[in-house]
């Protein structure tokens, strides 16, 4: 797999070409600014973002288990954990700010 380095300003001019190189040729494109890498463009095949990735599910389950343990520890310390009410209140307040209280 080849990697192409390109200045961000030049990448703007050649955006369609870059996307085609990434998609059809499987290249990686490193976006540079002042000779330092700032971002990378890779094809969807490389990311695994749109697949049913078992590792992604496993990480999510691990995160949920960690949250459960934290809530359990807080409960044992006498801290009442009900963030749902707080979140609803924040949402309502933001909505009122956004709509002008209507």
PDB file of N, CA and C in Angstrom:
ATOM      1  N   UNK A   1       0.848  -1.177   0.000  1.00  0.00           N
ATOM      2  CA  UNK A   1       0.000   0.000   0.000  1.00  0.00           C
ATOM      3  C   UNK A   1       0.893   1.239   0.000  1.00  0.00           C
ATOM      4  N   UNK A   2       0.606   2.135  -0.902  1.00  0.00           N
ATOM      5  CA  UNK A   2       1.423   3.338  -0.994  1.00  0.00           C
ATOM      6  C   UNK A   2       0.810   4.464  -0.165  1.00  0.00           C
ATOM      7  N   UNK A   3       1.685   5.354   0.269  1.00  0.00           N
ATOM      8  CA  UNK A   3       1.248   6.508   1.045  1.00  0.00           C
ATOM      9  C   UNK A   3       1.713   7.762   0.332  1.00  0.00           C
ATOM     10  N   UNK A   4       0.783   8.664   0.152  1.00  0.00           N
ATOM     11  CA  UNK A   4       1.070   9.930  -0.504  1.00  0.00           C
ATOM     12  C   UNK A   4       1.000  11.031   0.545  1.00  0.00           C
ATOM     13  N   UNK A   5       1.989  11.917   0.564  1.00  0.00           N
ATOM     14  CA  UNK A   5       1.970  13.070   1.460  1.00  0.00           C
ATOM     15  C   UNK A   5       1.674  14.295   0.617  1.00  0.00           C
ATOM     16  N   UNK A   6       0.775  15.136   1.125  1.00  0.00           N
ATOM     17  CA  UNK A   6       0.384  16.321   0.368  1.00  0.00           C
ATOM     18  C   UNK A   6       0.033  17.457   1.326  1.00  0.00           C
ATOM     19  N   UNK A   7       0.410  18.657   0.944  1.00  0.00           N
ATOM     20  CA  UNK A   7       0.087  19.846   1.719  1.00  0.00           C
ATOM     21  C   UNK A   7      -1.436  20.052   1.700  1.00  0.00           C
ATOM     22  N   UNK A   8      -1.986  20.483   2.801  1.00  0.00           N
ATOM     23  CA  UNK A   8      -3.437  20.663   2.924  1.00  0.00           C
ATOM     24  C   UNK A   8      -3.974  21.620   1.851  1.00  0.00           C
ATOM     25  N   UNK A   9      -3.265  22.680   1.579  1.00  0.00           N
ATOM     26  CA  UNK A   9      -3.714  23.638   0.562  1.00  0.00           C
ATOM     27  C   UNK A   9      -3.802  22.972  -0.812  1.00  0.00           C
ATOM     28  N   UNK A  10      -2.797  22.183  -1.147  1.00  0.00           N
ATOM     29  CA  UNK A  10      -2.806  21.469  -2.425  1.00  0.00           C
ATOM     30  C   UNK A  10      -3.899  20.404  -2.440  1.00  0.00           C
ATOM     31  N   UNK A  11      -4.140  19.778  -1.293  1.00  0.00           N
ATOM     32  CA  UNK A  11      -5.173  18.742  -1.205  1.00  0.00           C
ATOM     33  C   UNK A  11      -6.555  19.321  -1.495  1.00  0.00           C
ATOM     34  N   UNK A  12      -6.797  20.542  -1.077  1.00  0.00           N
ATOM     35  CA  UNK A  12      -8.080  21.186  -1.367  1.00  0.00           C
ATOM     36  C   UNK A  12      -8.314  21.268  -2.874  1.00  0.00           C
ATOM     37  N   UNK A  13      -7.267  21.616  -3.604  1.00  0.00           N
ATOM     38  CA  UNK A  13      -7.375  21.748  -5.057  1.00  0.00           C
ATOM     39  C   UNK A  13      -7.586  20.394  -5.734  1.00  0.00           C
ATOM     40  N   UNK A  14      -7.029  19.349  -5.146  1.00  0.00           N
ATOM     41  CA  UNK A  14      -7.042  18.023  -5.778  1.00  0.00           C
ATOM     42  C   UNK A  14      -7.924  17.029  -5.026  1.00  0.00           C
ATOM     43  N   UNK A  15      -8.936  17.524  -4.327  1.00  0.00           N
ATOM     44  CA  UNK A  15      -9.744  16.683  -3.443  1.00  0.00           C
ATOM     45  C   UNK A  15     -10.344  15.468  -4.155  1.00  0.00           C
ATOM     46  N   UNK A  16     -10.971  15.671  -5.298  1.00  0.00           N
ATOM     47  CA  UNK A  16     -11.589  14.558  -6.028  1.00  0.00           C
ATOM     48  C   UNK A  16     -10.549  13.515  -6.403  1.00  0.00           C
ATOM     49  N   UNK A  17      -9.407  13.970  -6.885  1.00  0.00           N
ATOM     50  CA  UNK A  17      -8.333  13.043  -7.260  1.00  0.00           C
ATOM     51  C   UNK A  17      -7.877  12.225  -6.052  1.00  0.00           C
ATOM     52  N   UNK A  18      -7.737  12.899  -4.913  1.00  0.00           N
ATOM     53  CA  UNK A  18      -7.289  12.214  -3.694  1.00  0.00           C
ATOM     54  C   UNK A  18      -8.292  11.154  -3.272  1.00  0.00           C
ATOM     55  N   UNK A  19      -9.572  11.506  -3.275  1.00  0.00           N
ATOM     56  CA  UNK A  19     -10.602  10.542  -2.878  1.00  0.00           C
ATOM     57  C   UNK A  19     -10.580   9.333  -3.817  1.00  0.00           C
ATOM     58  N   UNK A  20     -10.417   9.566  -5.106  1.00  0.00           N
ATOM     59  CA  UNK A  20     -10.352   8.453  -6.065  1.00  0.00           C
ATOM     60  C   UNK A  20      -9.130   7.578  -5.831  1.00  0.00           C
ATOM     61  N   UNK A  21      -7.992   8.177  -5.522  1.00  0.00           N
ATOM     62  CA  UNK A  21      -6.788   7.393  -5.253  1.00  0.00           C
ATOM     63  C   UNK A  21      -6.977   6.520  -4.012  1.00  0.00           C
ATOM     64  N   UNK A  22      -7.597   7.096  -3.004  1.00  0.00           N
ATOM     65  CA  UNK A  22      -7.843   6.347  -1.768  1.00  0.00           C
ATOM     66  C   UNK A  22      -8.839   5.220  -2.024  1.00  0.00           C
ATOM     67  N   UNK A  23      -9.907   5.534  -2.740  1.00  0.00           N
ATOM     68  CA  UNK A  23     -10.976   4.563  -2.955  1.00  0.00           C
ATOM     69  C   UNK A  23     -10.589   3.462  -3.947  1.00  0.00           C
ATOM     70  N   UNK A  24     -10.059   3.845  -5.093  1.00  0.00           N
ATOM     71  CA  UNK A  24      -9.828   2.869  -6.155  1.00  0.00           C
ATOM     72  C   UNK A  24      -8.450   2.229  -6.121  1.00  0.00           C
ATOM     73  N   UNK A  25      -7.441   2.952  -5.646  1.00  0.00           N
ATOM     74  CA  UNK A  25      -6.088   2.405  -5.626  1.00  0.00           C
ATOM     75  C   UNK A  25      -5.663   1.922  -4.246  1.00  0.00           C
ATOM     76  N   UNK A  26      -6.488   2.222  -3.236  1.00  0.00           N
ATOM     77  CA  UNK A  26      -6.165   1.779  -1.876  1.00  0.00           C
ATOM     78  C   UNK A  26      -5.018   2.548  -1.242  1.00  0.00           C
ATOM     79  N   UNK A  27      -4.728   3.737  -1.745  1.00  0.00           N
ATOM     80  CA  UNK A  27      -3.640   4.538  -1.185  1.00  0.00           C
ATOM     81  C   UNK A  27      -4.077   5.211   0.111  1.00  0.00           C
ATOM     82  N   UNK A  28      -3.086   5.586   0.880  1.00  0.00           N
ATOM     83  CA  UNK A  28      -3.303   6.436   2.051  1.00  0.00           C
ATOM     84  C   UNK A  28      -2.767   7.810   1.697  1.00  0.00           C
ATOM     85  N   UNK A  29      -3.437   8.839   2.202  1.00  0.00           N
ATOM     86  CA  UNK A  29      -2.983  10.200   1.935  1.00  0.00           C
ATOM     87  C   UNK A  29      -2.798  10.903   3.279  1.00  0.00           C
ATOM     88  N   UNK A  30      -1.572  11.358   3.511  1.00  0.00           N
ATOM     89  CA  UNK A  30      -1.266  12.088   4.735  1.00  0.00           C
ATOM     90  C   UNK A  30      -1.328  13.572   4.415  1.00  0.00           C
ATOM     91  N   UNK A  31      -2.178  14.280   5.129  1.00  0.00           N
ATOM     92  CA  UNK A  31      -2.319  15.728   4.936  1.00  0.00           C
ATOM     93  C   UNK A  31      -1.292  16.432   5.825  1.00  0.00           C
ATOM     94  N   UNK A  32      -0.481  17.270   5.194  1.00  0.00           N
ATOM     95  CA  UNK A  32       0.626  17.926   5.880  1.00  0.00           C
ATOM     96  C   UNK A  32       0.371  19.425   6.016  1.00  0.00           C
ATOM     97  N   UNK A  33       0.889  19.994   7.082  1.00  0.00           N
ATOM     98  CA  UNK A  33       0.864  21.435   7.277  1.00  0.00           C
ATOM     99  C   UNK A  33       2.192  21.822   7.921  1.00  0.00           C
ATOM    100  N   UNK A  34       2.920  22.684   7.242  1.00  0.00           N
ATOM    101  CA  UNK A  34       4.249  23.090   7.719  1.00  0.00           C
ATOM    102  C   UNK A  34       5.145  21.884   7.954  1.00  0.00           C
ATOM    103  N   UNK A  35       5.102  20.963   7.003  1.00  0.00           N
ATOM    104  CA  UNK A  35       5.908  19.734   7.018  1.00  0.00           C
ATOM    105  C   UNK A  35       5.624  18.819   8.205  1.00  0.00           C
ATOM    106  N   UNK A  36       4.446  18.962   8.797  1.00  0.00           N
ATOM    107  CA  UNK A  36       4.041  18.082   9.894  1.00  0.00           C
ATOM    108  C   UNK A  36       2.739  17.404   9.508  1.00  0.00           C
ATOM    109  N   UNK A  37       2.619  16.104   9.767  1.00  0.00           N
ATOM    110  CA  UNK A  37       1.362  15.416   9.461  1.00  0.00           C
ATOM    111  C   UNK A  37       0.241  15.901  10.364  1.00  0.00           C
ATOM    112  N   UNK A  38      -0.920  16.182   9.770  1.00  0.00           N
ATOM    113  CA  UNK A  38      -2.070  16.685  10.535  1.00  0.00           C
ATOM    114  C   UNK A  38      -3.237  15.704  10.528  1.00  0.00           C
ATOM    115  N   UNK A  39      -3.387  14.946   9.436  1.00  0.00           N
ATOM    116  CA  UNK A  39      -4.504  14.006   9.329  1.00  0.00           C
ATOM    117  C   UNK A  39      -4.156  12.987   8.252  1.00  0.00           C
ATOM    118  N   UNK A  40      -4.943  11.935   8.219  1.00  0.00           N
ATOM    119  CA  UNK A  40      -4.744  10.912   7.201  1.00  0.00           C
ATOM    120  C   UNK A  40      -6.096  10.545   6.602  1.00  0.00           C
ATOM    121  N   UNK A  41      -6.094  10.335   5.309  1.00  0.00           N
ATOM    122  CA  UNK A  41      -7.300   9.893   4.613  1.00  0.00           C
ATOM    123  C   UNK A  41      -7.058   8.458   4.191  1.00  0.00           C
ATOM    124  N   UNK A  42      -7.950   7.578   4.613  1.00  0.00           N
ATOM    125  CA  UNK A  42      -7.860   6.164   4.238  1.00  0.00           C
ATOM    126  C   UNK A  42      -9.226   5.709   3.745  1.00  0.00           C
ATOM    127  N   UNK A  43      -9.242   4.618   3.022  1.00  0.00           N
ATOM    128  CA  UNK A  43     -10.493   4.082   2.516  1.00  0.00           C
ATOM    129  C   UNK A  43     -11.317   3.427   3.611  1.00  0.00           C
ATOM    130  N   UNK A  44     -12.581   3.248   3.321  1.00  0.00           N
ATOM    131  CA  UNK A  44     -13.490   2.627   4.289  1.00  0.00           C
ATOM    132  C   UNK A  44     -13.074   1.204   4.624  1.00  0.00           C
ATOM    133  N   UNK A  45     -12.486   0.514   3.672  1.00  0.00           N
ATOM    134  CA  UNK A  45     -12.055  -0.862   3.929  1.00  0.00           C
ATOM    135  C   UNK A  45     -11.049  -0.925   5.068  1.00  0.00           C
ATOM    136  N   UNK A  46     -10.215   0.091   5.170  1.00  0.00           N
ATOM    137  CA  UNK A  46      -9.204   0.114   6.226  1.00  0.00           C
ATOM    138  C   UNK A  46      -9.767   0.459   7.588  1.00  0.00           C
ATOM    139  N   UNK A  47     -10.819   1.234   7.621  1.00  0.00           N
ATOM    140  CA  UNK A  47     -11.309   1.726   8.911  1.00  0.00           C
ATOM    141  C   UNK A  47     -12.125   0.699   9.668  1.00  0.00           C
ATOM    142  N   UNK A  48     -12.875  -0.115   8.968  1.00  0.00           N
ATOM    143  CA  UNK A  48     -13.743  -1.059   9.644  1.00  0.00           C
ATOM    144  C   UNK A  48     -14.905  -0.391  10.341  1.00  0.00           C
ATOM    145  N   UNK A  49     -15.148   0.881  10.033  1.00  0.00           N
ATOM    146  CA  UNK A  49     -16.204   1.617  10.724  1.00  0.00           C
ATOM    147  C   UNK A  49     -17.600   1.110  10.398  1.00  0.00           C
ATOM    148  N   UNK A  50     -17.776   0.598   9.196  1.00  0.00           N
ATOM    149  CA  UNK A  50     -19.113   0.225   8.771  1.00  0.00           C
ATOM    150  C   UNK A  50     -19.296  -1.284   8.710  1.00  0.00           C
ATOM    151  N   UNK A  51     -18.528  -1.977   9.515  1.00  0.00           N
ATOM    152  CA  UNK A  51     -18.686  -3.428   9.604  1.00  0.00           C
ATOM    153  C   UNK A  51     -19.165  -3.767  11.001  1.00  0.00           C
ATOM    154  N   UNK A  52     -19.666  -4.955  11.140  1.00  0.00           N
ATOM    155  CA  UNK A  52     -20.105  -5.428  12.445  1.00  0.00           C
ATOM    156  C   UNK A  52     -18.889  -5.997  13.164  1.00  0.00           C
ATOM    157  N   UNK A  53     -18.041  -5.114  13.628  1.00  0.00           N
ATOM    158  CA  UNK A  53     -16.746  -5.476  14.196  1.00  0.00           C
ATOM    159  C   UNK A  53     -16.903  -6.043  15.610  1.00  0.00           C
ATOM    160  N   UNK A  54     -16.539  -7.303  15.812  1.00  0.00           N
ATOM    161  CA  UNK A  54     -16.644  -7.890  17.153  1.00  0.00           C
ATOM    162  C   UNK A  54     -15.795  -7.155  18.191  1.00  0.00           C
ATOM    163  N   UNK A  55     -14.649  -6.629  17.781  1.00  0.00           N
ATOM    164  CA  UNK A  55     -13.813  -5.901  18.738  1.00  0.00           C
ATOM    165  C   UNK A  55     -14.490  -4.617  19.199  1.00  0.00           C
ATOM    166  N   UNK A  56     -15.185  -3.953  18.294  1.00  0.00           N
ATOM    167  CA  UNK A  56     -15.903  -2.732  18.661  1.00  0.00           C
ATOM    168  C   UNK A  56     -16.995  -3.053  19.671  1.00  0.00           C
ATOM    169  N   UNK A  57     -17.698  -4.154  19.440  1.00  0.00           N
ATOM    170  CA  UNK A  57     -18.731  -4.574  20.391  1.00  0.00           C
ATOM    171  C   UNK A  57     -18.112  -4.914  21.740  1.00  0.00           C
ATOM    172  N   UNK A  58     -16.981  -5.603  21.717  1.00  0.00           N
ATOM    173  CA  UNK A  58     -16.318  -5.989  22.962  1.00  0.00           C
ATOM    174  C   UNK A  58     -15.868  -4.756  23.741  1.00  0.00           C
ATOM    175  N   UNK A  59     -15.328  -3.756  23.042  1.00  0.00           N
ATOM    176  CA  UNK A  59     -14.919  -2.522  23.717  1.00  0.00           C
ATOM    177  C   UNK A  59     -16.125  -1.823  24.335  1.00  0.00           C
ATOM    178  N   UNK A  60     -17.232  -1.810  23.618  1.00  0.00           N
ATOM    179  CA  UNK A  60     -18.454  -1.170  24.134  1.00  0.00           C
ATOM    180  C   UNK A  60     -18.956  -1.886  25.385  1.00  0.00           C
ATOM    181  N   UNK A  61     -18.945  -3.218  25.359  1.00  0.00           N
ATOM    182  CA  UNK A  61     -19.361  -3.985  26.535  1.00  0.00           C
ATOM    183  C   UNK A  61     -18.441  -3.730  27.715  1.00  0.00           C
ATOM    184  N   UNK A  62     -17.134  -3.619  27.439  1.00  0.00           N
ATOM    185  CA  UNK A  62     -16.177  -3.319  28.505  1.00  0.00           C
ATOM    186  C   UNK A  62     -16.462  -1.945  29.106  1.00  0.00           C
ATOM    187  N   UNK A  63     -16.745  -0.955  28.261  1.00  0.00           N
ATOM    188  CA  UNK A  63     -17.068   0.384  28.749  1.00  0.00           C
ATOM    189  C   UNK A  63     -18.323   0.360  29.616  1.00  0.00           C
ATOM    190  N   UNK A  64     -19.336  -0.370  29.184  1.00  0.00           N
ATOM    191  CA  UNK A  64     -20.565  -0.460  29.971  1.00  0.00           C
ATOM    192  C   UNK A  64     -20.307  -1.129  31.315  1.00  0.00           C
ATOM    193  N   UNK A  65     -19.462  -2.146  31.328  1.00  0.00           N
ATOM    194  CA  UNK A  65     -19.118  -2.818  32.586  1.00  0.00           C
ATOM    195  C   UNK A  65     -18.368  -1.861  33.518  1.00  0.00           C
ATOM    196  N   UNK A  66     -17.463  -1.055  32.964  1.00  0.00           N
ATOM    197  CA  UNK A  66     -16.739  -0.078  33.779  1.00  0.00           C
ATOM    198  C   UNK A  66     -17.691   0.952  34.368  1.00  0.00           C
ATOM    199  N   UNK A  67     -18.655   1.398  33.593  1.00  0.00           N
ATOM    200  CA  UNK A  67     -19.655   2.345  34.089  1.00  0.00           C
ATOM    201  C   UNK A  67     -20.463   1.712  35.219  1.00  0.00           C
ATOM    202  N   UNK A  68     -20.855   0.466  35.046  1.00  0.00           N
ATOM    203  CA  UNK A  68     -21.624  -0.234  36.080  1.00  0.00           C
ATOM    204  C   UNK A  68     -20.829  -0.302  37.382  1.00  0.00           C
ATOM    205  N   UNK A  69     -19.535  -0.605  37.290  1.00  0.00           N
ATOM    206  CA  UNK A  69     -18.696  -0.708  38.487  1.00  0.00           C
ATOM    207  C   UNK A  69     -18.557   0.647  39.181  1.00  0.00           C
ATOM    208  N   UNK A  70     -18.415   1.704  38.407  1.00  0.00           N
ATOM    209  CA  UNK A  70     -18.304   3.044  38.983  1.00  0.00           C
ATOM    210  C   UNK A  70     -19.588   3.399  39.714  1.00  0.00           C
ATOM    211  N   UNK A  71     -20.725   3.121  39.089  1.00  0.00           N
ATOM    212  CA  UNK A  71     -22.014   3.406  39.735  1.00  0.00           C
ATOM    213  C   UNK A  71     -22.154   2.608  41.029  1.00  0.00           C
ATOM    214  N   UNK A  72     -21.695   1.367  40.994  1.00  0.00           N
ATOM    215  CA  UNK A  72     -21.767   0.511  42.181  1.00  0.00           C
ATOM    216  C   UNK A  72     -20.922   1.093  43.314  1.00  0.00           C
ATOM    217  N   UNK A  73     -19.707   1.528  43.003  1.00  0.00           N
ATOM    218  CA  UNK A  73     -18.835   2.125  44.026  1.00  0.00           C
ATOM    219  C   UNK A  73     -19.451   3.396  44.600  1.00  0.00           C
ATOM    220  N   UNK A  74     -20.027   4.224  43.739  1.00  0.00           N
ATOM    221  CA  UNK A  74     -20.665   5.453  44.209  1.00  0.00           C
ATOM    222  C   UNK A  74     -21.844   5.148  45.122  1.00  0.00           C
ATOM    223  N   UNK A  75     -22.614   4.128  44.780  1.00  0.00           N
ATOM    224  CA  UNK A  75     -23.750   3.736  45.603  1.00  0.00           C
ATOM    225  C   UNK A  75     -23.282   3.286  46.988  1.00  0.00           C
ATOM    226  N   UNK A  76     -22.181   2.525  47.033  1.00  0.00           N
ATOM    227  CA  UNK A  76     -21.640   2.062  48.320  1.00  0.00           C
ATOM    228  C   UNK A  76     -21.137   3.225  49.172  1.00  0.00           C
ATOM    229  N   UNK A  77     -20.734   4.310  48.533  1.00  0.00           N
ATOM    230  CA  UNK A  77     -20.263   5.484  49.267  1.00  0.00           C
ATOM    231  C   UNK A  77     -21.417   6.394  49.667  1.00  0.00           C
ATOM    232  N   UNK A  78     -22.631   6.020  49.304  1.00  0.00           N
ATOM    233  CA  UNK A  78     -23.797   6.807  49.681  1.00  0.00           C
ATOM    234  C   UNK A  78     -24.161   7.886  48.681  1.00  0.00           C
ATOM    235  N   UNK A  79     -23.514   7.881  47.539  1.00  0.00           N
ATOM    236  CA  UNK A  79     -23.824   8.867  46.511  1.00  0.00           C
ATOM    237  C   UNK A  79     -24.962   8.322  45.664  1.00  0.00           C
ATOM    238  N   UNK A  80     -26.010   9.112  45.536  1.00  0.00           N
ATOM    239  CA  UNK A  80     -27.146   8.680  44.724  1.00  0.00           C
ATOM    240  C   UNK A  80     -26.846   9.013  43.266  1.00  0.00           C
ATOM    241  N   UNK A  81     -26.927   7.994  42.444  1.00  0.00           N
ATOM    242  CA  UNK A  81     -26.570   8.148  41.037  1.00  0.00           C
ATOM    243  C   UNK A  81     -27.836   8.091  40.201  1.00  0.00           C
ATOM    244  N   UNK A  82     -28.322   9.268  39.832  1.00  0.00           N
ATOM    245  CA  UNK A  82     -29.451   9.330  38.913  1.00  0.00           C
ATOM    246  C   UNK A  82     -29.223  10.513  38.000  1.00  0.00           C
ATOM    247  N   UNK A  83     -28.342  10.317  37.068  1.00  0.00           N
ATOM    248  CA  UNK A  83     -27.999  11.406  36.156  1.00  0.00           C
ATOM    249  C   UNK A  83     -29.098  11.657  35.139  1.00  0.00           C
ATOM    250  N   UNK A  84     -30.020  10.734  34.979  1.00  0.00           N
ATOM    251  CA  UNK A  84     -31.101  10.897  34.016  1.00  0.00           C
ATOM    252  C   UNK A  84     -31.896  12.155  34.266  1.00  0.00           C
ATOM    253  N   UNK A  85     -32.239  12.402  35.529  1.00  0.00           N
ATOM    254  CA  UNK A  85     -32.997  13.616  35.878  1.00  0.00           C
ATOM    255  C   UNK A  85     -32.191  14.868  35.554  1.00  0.00           C
ATOM    256  N   UNK A  86     -30.914  14.835  35.898  1.00  0.00           N
ATOM    257  CA  UNK A  86     -30.053  15.985  35.623  1.00  0.00           C
ATOM    258  C   UNK A  86     -29.945  16.239  34.121  1.00  0.00           C
ATOM    259  N   UNK A  87     -29.779  15.179  33.338  1.00  0.00           N
ATOM    260  CA  UNK A  87     -29.683  15.326  31.888  1.00  0.00           C
ATOM    261  C   UNK A  87     -30.969  15.883  31.295  1.00  0.00           C
ATOM    262  N   UNK A  88     -32.112  15.389  31.763  1.00  0.00           N
ATOM    263  CA  UNK A  88     -33.393  15.918  31.282  1.00  0.00           C
ATOM    264  C   UNK A  88     -33.522  17.408  31.586  1.00  0.00           C
ATOM    265  N   UNK A  89     -33.132  17.816  32.804  1.00  0.00           N
ATOM    266  CA  UNK A  89     -33.202  19.214  33.197  1.00  0.00           C
ATOM    267  C   UNK A  89     -32.299  20.072  32.312  1.00  0.00           C
ATOM    268  N   UNK A  90     -31.078  19.595  32.060  1.00  0.00           N
ATOM    269  CA  UNK A  90     -30.166  20.332  31.193  1.00  0.00           C
ATOM    270  C   UNK A  90     -30.741  20.479  29.787  1.00  0.00           C
ATOM    271  N   UNK A  91     -31.315  19.396  29.265  1.00  0.00           N
ATOM    272  CA  UNK A  91     -31.918  19.448  27.928  1.00  0.00           C
ATOM    273  C   UNK A  91     -33.069  20.439  27.887  1.00  0.00           C
ATOM    274  N   UNK A  92     -33.914  20.402  28.911  1.00  0.00           N
ATOM    275  CA  UNK A  92     -35.046  21.326  28.965  1.00  0.00           C
ATOM    276  C   UNK A  92     -34.563  22.769  29.032  1.00  0.00           C
ATOM    277  N   UNK A  93     -33.543  23.019  29.855  1.00  0.00           N
ATOM    278  CA  UNK A  93     -33.002  24.367  29.965  1.00  0.00           C
ATOM    279  C   UNK A  93     -32.430  24.842  28.627  1.00  0.00           C
ATOM    280  N   UNK A  94     -31.696  23.956  27.954  1.00  0.00           N
ATOM    281  CA  UNK A  94     -31.120  24.321  26.668  1.00  0.00           C
ATOM    282  C   UNK A  94     -32.215  24.581  25.634  1.00  0.00           C
ATOM    283  N   UNK A  95     -33.262  23.769  25.669  1.00  0.00           N
ATOM    284  CA  UNK A  95     -34.351  23.948  24.735  1.00  0.00           C
ATOM    285  C   UNK A  95     -35.054  25.277  24.977  1.00  0.00           C
ATOM    286  N   UNK A  96     -35.244  25.625  26.256  1.00  0.00           N
ATOM    287  CA  UNK A  96     -35.852  26.908  26.592  1.00  0.00           C
ATOM    288  C   UNK A  96     -34.985  28.064  26.102  1.00  0.00           C
ATOM    289  N   UNK A  97     -33.659  27.946  26.290  1.00  0.00           N
ATOM    290  CA  UNK A  97     -32.737  28.985  25.802  1.00  0.00           C
ATOM    291  C   UNK A  97     -32.835  29.106  24.288  1.00  0.00           C
ATOM    292  N   UNK A  98     -32.928  27.969  23.628  1.00  0.00           N
ATOM    293  CA  UNK A  98     -32.961  27.942  22.160  1.00  0.00           C
ATOM    294  C   UNK A  98     -34.264  28.500  21.612  1.00  0.00           C
ATOM    295  N   UNK A  99     -35.371  28.136  22.237  1.00  0.00           N
ATOM    296  CA  UNK A  99     -36.682  28.545  21.732  1.00  0.00           C
ATOM    297  C   UNK A  99     -37.167  29.835  22.358  1.00  0.00           C
ATOM    298  N   UNK A 100     -36.432  30.356  23.318  1.00  0.00           N
ATOM    299  CA  UNK A 100     -36.861  31.594  23.970  1.00  0.00           C
ATOM    300  C   UNK A 100     -37.931  31.358  25.013  1.00  0.00           C
ATOM    301  N   UNK A 101     -37.959  30.133  25.581  1.00  0.00           N
ATOM    302  CA  UNK A 101     -38.894  29.840  26.658  1.00  0.00           C
ATOM    303  C   UNK A 101     -40.276  29.440  26.196  1.00  0.00           C
ATOM    304  N   UNK A 102     -40.441  29.117  24.914  1.00  0.00           N
ATOM    305  CA  UNK A 102     -41.763  28.717  24.391  1.00  0.00           C
ATOM    306  C   UNK A 102     -41.989  27.255  24.538  1.00  0.00           C
TER     307      UNK A 102
END
